[in-house]
């Protein structure tokens, strides 16, 4: 501990980088906690679908969706969500919606757009289809 402050004083760029990383992690953590969109694990997704009649919305491209998908998922491309073409989801507006993409990254922006469009209970699959497949859960292949 006696050497910590001299080290920090002698390495200002490294100190600034560590402080920046710490603040970034803190901001991201707070945003996740305060966001109306919750991240679900594959197991939580199955619970929401089975117990709360959740609807899985797959936003991957057409080729990936046709190759493999979660059972009973609805395909709405990310482009349609960006253009606010949500007619396929209107009848599910009051049900839990779970947005699925490849790795869980692009699903966050799509989920935010669904919240802005008036969907009351929007979630996303943490880790996307990669997490679903890695958990050994079933997919439909055609």
C-alpha atoms as a PDB file:
ATOM      1  CA  UNK A   1       0.000   0.000   0.000  1.00  0.00           C
ATOM      2  CA  UNK A   2       2.955   2.318   0.633  1.00  0.00           C
ATOM      3  CA  UNK A   3       4.003   1.943  -3.000  1.00  0.00           C
ATOM      4  CA  UNK A   4       0.555   2.439  -4.534  1.00  0.00           C
ATOM      5  CA  UNK A   5       0.454   6.238  -4.510  1.00  0.00           C
ATOM      6  CA  UNK A   6       4.016   6.707  -5.814  1.00  0.00           C
ATOM      7  CA  UNK A   7       3.232   4.193  -8.572  1.00  0.00           C
ATOM      8  CA  UNK A   8       0.054   6.083  -9.527  1.00  0.00           C
ATOM      9  CA  UNK A   9       1.942   9.391  -9.502  1.00  0.00           C
ATOM     10  CA  UNK A  10       4.754   8.004 -11.669  1.00  0.00           C
ATOM     11  CA  UNK A  11       2.378   6.460 -14.252  1.00  0.00           C
ATOM     12  CA  UNK A  12      -0.361   9.016 -15.013  1.00  0.00           C
ATOM     13  CA  UNK A  13      -1.409   7.473 -18.358  1.00  0.00           C
ATOM     14  CA  UNK A  14      -1.829   4.020 -16.841  1.00  0.00           C
ATOM     15  CA  UNK A  15      -3.694   5.511 -13.882  1.00  0.00           C
ATOM     16  CA  UNK A  16      -6.034   7.425 -16.204  1.00  0.00           C
ATOM     17  CA  UNK A  17      -6.686   4.278 -18.239  1.00  0.00           C
ATOM     18  CA  UNK A  18      -7.607   2.262 -15.148  1.00  0.00           C
ATOM     19  CA  UNK A  19      -9.886   5.023 -13.890  1.00  0.00           C
ATOM     20  CA  UNK A  20     -11.525   5.251 -17.318  1.00  0.00           C
ATOM     21  CA  UNK A  21     -12.114   1.500 -17.443  1.00  0.00           C
ATOM     22  CA  UNK A  22     -13.550   1.525 -13.927  1.00  0.00           C
ATOM     23  CA  UNK A  23     -15.953   4.353 -14.771  1.00  0.00           C
ATOM     24  CA  UNK A  24     -17.013   2.653 -18.013  1.00  0.00           C
ATOM     25  CA  UNK A  25     -17.794  -0.601 -16.183  1.00  0.00           C
ATOM     26  CA  UNK A  26     -19.713   1.318 -13.541  1.00  0.00           C
ATOM     27  CA  UNK A  27     -21.778   3.232 -16.135  1.00  0.00           C
ATOM     28  CA  UNK A  28     -22.605   0.092 -18.126  1.00  0.00           C
ATOM     29  CA  UNK A  29     -23.611  -1.772 -14.961  1.00  0.00           C
ATOM     30  CA  UNK A  30     -25.915   1.046 -13.881  1.00  0.00           C
ATOM     31  CA  UNK A  31     -27.474   1.314 -17.361  1.00  0.00           C
ATOM     32  CA  UNK A  32     -28.208  -2.426 -17.382  1.00  0.00           C
ATOM     33  CA  UNK A  33     -29.857  -2.253 -13.957  1.00  0.00           C
ATOM     34  CA  UNK A  34     -31.990   0.783 -14.867  1.00  0.00           C
ATOM     35  CA  UNK A  35     -32.945  -0.362 -18.368  1.00  0.00           C
ATOM     36  CA  UNK A  36     -36.546  -1.461 -18.972  1.00  0.00           C
ATOM     37  CA  UNK A  37     -35.084  -4.298 -21.082  1.00  0.00           C
ATOM     38  CA  UNK A  38     -33.956  -7.249 -18.993  1.00  0.00           C
ATOM     39  CA  UNK A  39     -31.385  -9.819 -20.070  1.00  0.00           C
ATOM     40  CA  UNK A  40     -32.485 -13.440 -19.723  1.00  0.00           C
ATOM     41  CA  UNK A  41     -30.373 -16.573 -19.626  1.00  0.00           C
ATOM     42  CA  UNK A  42     -31.475 -19.479 -21.843  1.00  0.00           C
ATOM     43  CA  UNK A  43     -33.057 -21.152 -18.805  1.00  0.00           C
ATOM     44  CA  UNK A  44     -34.940 -17.984 -17.859  1.00  0.00           C
ATOM     45  CA  UNK A  45     -36.149 -17.696 -21.460  1.00  0.00           C
ATOM     46  CA  UNK A  46     -37.713 -21.163 -21.300  1.00  0.00           C
ATOM     47  CA  UNK A  47     -39.432 -20.225 -18.025  1.00  0.00           C
ATOM     48  CA  UNK A  48     -40.870 -17.012 -19.496  1.00  0.00           C
ATOM     49  CA  UNK A  49     -42.094 -18.819 -22.620  1.00  0.00           C
ATOM     50  CA  UNK A  50     -43.635 -21.751 -20.717  1.00  0.00           C
ATOM     51  CA  UNK A  51     -45.110 -19.946 -17.698  1.00  0.00           C
ATOM     52  CA  UNK A  52     -45.853 -16.437 -18.999  1.00  0.00           C
ATOM     53  CA  UNK A  53     -46.604 -17.181 -22.676  1.00  0.00           C
ATOM     54  CA  UNK A  54     -43.532 -15.287 -23.819  1.00  0.00           C
ATOM     55  CA  UNK A  55     -42.934 -14.700 -27.508  1.00  0.00           C
ATOM     56  CA  UNK A  56     -39.475 -15.204 -29.022  1.00  0.00           C
ATOM     57  CA  UNK A  57     -38.591 -12.685 -31.739  1.00  0.00           C
ATOM     58  CA  UNK A  58     -35.588 -13.728 -33.824  1.00  0.00           C
ATOM     59  CA  UNK A  59     -33.934 -10.748 -35.550  1.00  0.00           C
ATOM     60  CA  UNK A  60     -31.149 -12.644 -37.323  1.00  0.00           C
ATOM     61  CA  UNK A  61     -30.930 -12.607 -41.111  1.00  0.00           C
ATOM     62  CA  UNK A  62     -33.179 -14.878 -43.187  1.00  0.00           C
ATOM     63  CA  UNK A  63     -30.476 -17.452 -43.955  1.00  0.00           C
ATOM     64  CA  UNK A  64     -29.519 -17.932 -40.289  1.00  0.00           C
ATOM     65  CA  UNK A  65     -33.171 -18.129 -39.236  1.00  0.00           C
ATOM     66  CA  UNK A  66     -33.938 -20.776 -41.868  1.00  0.00           C
ATOM     67  CA  UNK A  67     -30.847 -22.781 -40.926  1.00  0.00           C
ATOM     68  CA  UNK A  68     -31.716 -23.061 -37.214  1.00  0.00           C
ATOM     69  CA  UNK A  69     -34.005 -21.313 -34.764  1.00  0.00           C
ATOM     70  CA  UNK A  70     -35.630 -21.676 -31.376  1.00  0.00           C
ATOM     71  CA  UNK A  71     -38.938 -23.558 -31.500  1.00  0.00           C
ATOM     72  CA  UNK A  72     -41.978 -21.293 -32.137  1.00  0.00           C
ATOM     73  CA  UNK A  73     -39.851 -18.177 -32.648  1.00  0.00           C
ATOM     74  CA  UNK A  74     -41.149 -15.411 -34.898  1.00  0.00           C
ATOM     75  CA  UNK A  75     -38.785 -13.957 -37.483  1.00  0.00           C
ATOM     76  CA  UNK A  76     -38.805 -10.163 -37.658  1.00  0.00           C
ATOM     77  CA  UNK A  77     -35.679  -8.807 -39.275  1.00  0.00           C
ATOM     78  CA  UNK A  78     -33.717  -6.033 -37.674  1.00  0.00           C
ATOM     79  CA  UNK A  79     -34.483  -3.878 -40.736  1.00  0.00           C
ATOM     80  CA  UNK A  80     -38.232  -4.210 -40.124  1.00  0.00           C
ATOM     81  CA  UNK A  81     -37.781  -3.226 -36.485  1.00  0.00           C
ATOM     82  CA  UNK A  82     -35.698  -0.208 -37.540  1.00  0.00           C
ATOM     83  CA  UNK A  83     -38.452   0.810 -39.991  1.00  0.00           C
ATOM     84  CA  UNK A  84     -41.103   0.241 -37.275  1.00  0.00           C
ATOM     85  CA  UNK A  85     -42.814  -2.466 -39.350  1.00  0.00           C
ATOM     86  CA  UNK A  86     -44.123  -4.441 -36.389  1.00  0.00           C
ATOM     87  CA  UNK A  87     -47.450  -5.769 -37.681  1.00  0.00           C
ATOM     88  CA  UNK A  88     -46.365  -9.379 -36.987  1.00  0.00           C
ATOM     89  CA  UNK A  89     -45.946  -8.505 -33.294  1.00  0.00           C
ATOM     90  CA  UNK A  90     -48.973  -6.269 -32.658  1.00  0.00           C
ATOM     91  CA  UNK A  91     -51.131  -9.124 -31.308  1.00  0.00           C
ATOM     92  CA  UNK A  92     -48.377  -9.954 -28.779  1.00  0.00           C
ATOM     93  CA  UNK A  93     -48.010  -6.409 -27.436  1.00  0.00           C
ATOM     94  CA  UNK A  94     -48.979  -7.306 -23.855  1.00  0.00           C
ATOM     95  CA  UNK A  95     -47.035 -10.572 -23.682  1.00  0.00           C
ATOM     96  CA  UNK A  96     -43.377 -10.864 -22.716  1.00  0.00           C
ATOM     97  CA  UNK A  97     -41.216 -10.416 -25.820  1.00  0.00           C
ATOM     98  CA  UNK A  98     -37.737 -11.981 -25.918  1.00  0.00           C
ATOM     99  CA  UNK A  99     -35.473 -10.635 -28.674  1.00  0.00           C
ATOM    100  CA  UNK A 100     -32.840 -13.052 -29.992  1.00  0.00           C
ATOM    101  CA  UNK A 101     -29.875 -12.296 -32.255  1.00  0.00           C
ATOM    102  CA  UNK A 102     -26.623 -14.115 -32.944  1.00  0.00           C
ATOM    103  CA  UNK A 103     -24.595 -13.079 -29.885  1.00  0.00           C
ATOM    104  CA  UNK A 104     -26.883 -10.808 -27.866  1.00  0.00           C
ATOM    105  CA  UNK A 105     -25.382  -7.549 -29.093  1.00  0.00           C
ATOM    106  CA  UNK A 106     -27.745  -6.298 -31.807  1.00  0.00           C
ATOM    107  CA  UNK A 107     -30.749  -7.489 -29.797  1.00  0.00           C
ATOM    108  CA  UNK A 108     -30.251  -4.639 -27.318  1.00  0.00           C
ATOM    109  CA  UNK A 109     -30.955  -1.888 -29.846  1.00  0.00           C
ATOM    110  CA  UNK A 110     -33.902  -3.817 -31.312  1.00  0.00           C
ATOM    111  CA  UNK A 111     -35.335  -4.331 -27.828  1.00  0.00           C
ATOM    112  CA  UNK A 112     -35.013  -0.604 -27.093  1.00  0.00           C
ATOM    113  CA  UNK A 113     -36.927   0.177 -30.293  1.00  0.00           C
ATOM    114  CA  UNK A 114     -39.696  -2.232 -29.270  1.00  0.00           C
ATOM    115  CA  UNK A 115     -40.000  -0.496 -25.893  1.00  0.00           C
ATOM    116  CA  UNK A 116     -40.286   2.863 -27.678  1.00  0.00           C
ATOM    117  CA  UNK A 117     -42.957   1.337 -29.949  1.00  0.00           C
ATOM    118  CA  UNK A 118     -45.113   0.603 -26.909  1.00  0.00           C
ATOM    119  CA  UNK A 119     -44.297  -3.004 -26.040  1.00  0.00           C
ATOM    120  CA  UNK A 120     -44.605  -3.280 -22.264  1.00  0.00           C
ATOM    121  CA  UNK A 121     -42.435  -6.294 -21.392  1.00  0.00           C
ATOM    122  CA  UNK A 122     -39.339  -6.608 -23.589  1.00  0.00           C
ATOM    123  CA  UNK A 123     -36.362  -8.839 -22.791  1.00  0.00           C
ATOM    124  CA  UNK A 124     -33.373 -10.156 -24.682  1.00  0.00           C
ATOM    125  CA  UNK A 125     -31.529 -13.446 -24.676  1.00  0.00           C
ATOM    126  CA  UNK A 126     -28.171 -12.839 -23.056  1.00  0.00           C
ATOM    127  CA  UNK A 127     -25.540 -14.284 -25.399  1.00  0.00           C
ATOM    128  CA  UNK A 128     -28.066 -14.748 -28.216  1.00  0.00           C
ATOM    129  CA  UNK A 129     -28.374 -17.962 -30.225  1.00  0.00           C
ATOM    130  CA  UNK A 130     -24.765 -18.785 -29.368  1.00  0.00           C
ATOM    131  CA  UNK A 131     -25.728 -19.067 -25.685  1.00  0.00           C
ATOM    132  CA  UNK A 132     -28.834 -21.100 -26.553  1.00  0.00           C
ATOM    133  CA  UNK A 133     -26.884 -23.604 -28.652  1.00  0.00           C
ATOM    134  CA  UNK A 134     -24.004 -23.775 -26.143  1.00  0.00           C
ATOM    135  CA  UNK A 135     -26.516 -24.594 -23.401  1.00  0.00           C
ATOM    136  CA  UNK A 136     -27.508 -27.646 -25.451  1.00  0.00           C
ATOM    137  CA  UNK A 137     -31.116 -26.507 -25.880  1.00  0.00           C
ATOM    138  CA  UNK A 138     -33.186 -27.635 -28.859  1.00  0.00           C
ATOM    139  CA  UNK A 139     -33.363 -25.826 -32.192  1.00  0.00           C
ATOM    140  CA  UNK A 140     -35.480 -26.368 -35.292  1.00  0.00           C
ATOM    141  CA  UNK A 141     -33.358 -27.067 -38.373  1.00  0.00           C
ATOM    142  CA  UNK A 142     -34.586 -26.923 -41.954  1.00  0.00           C
END
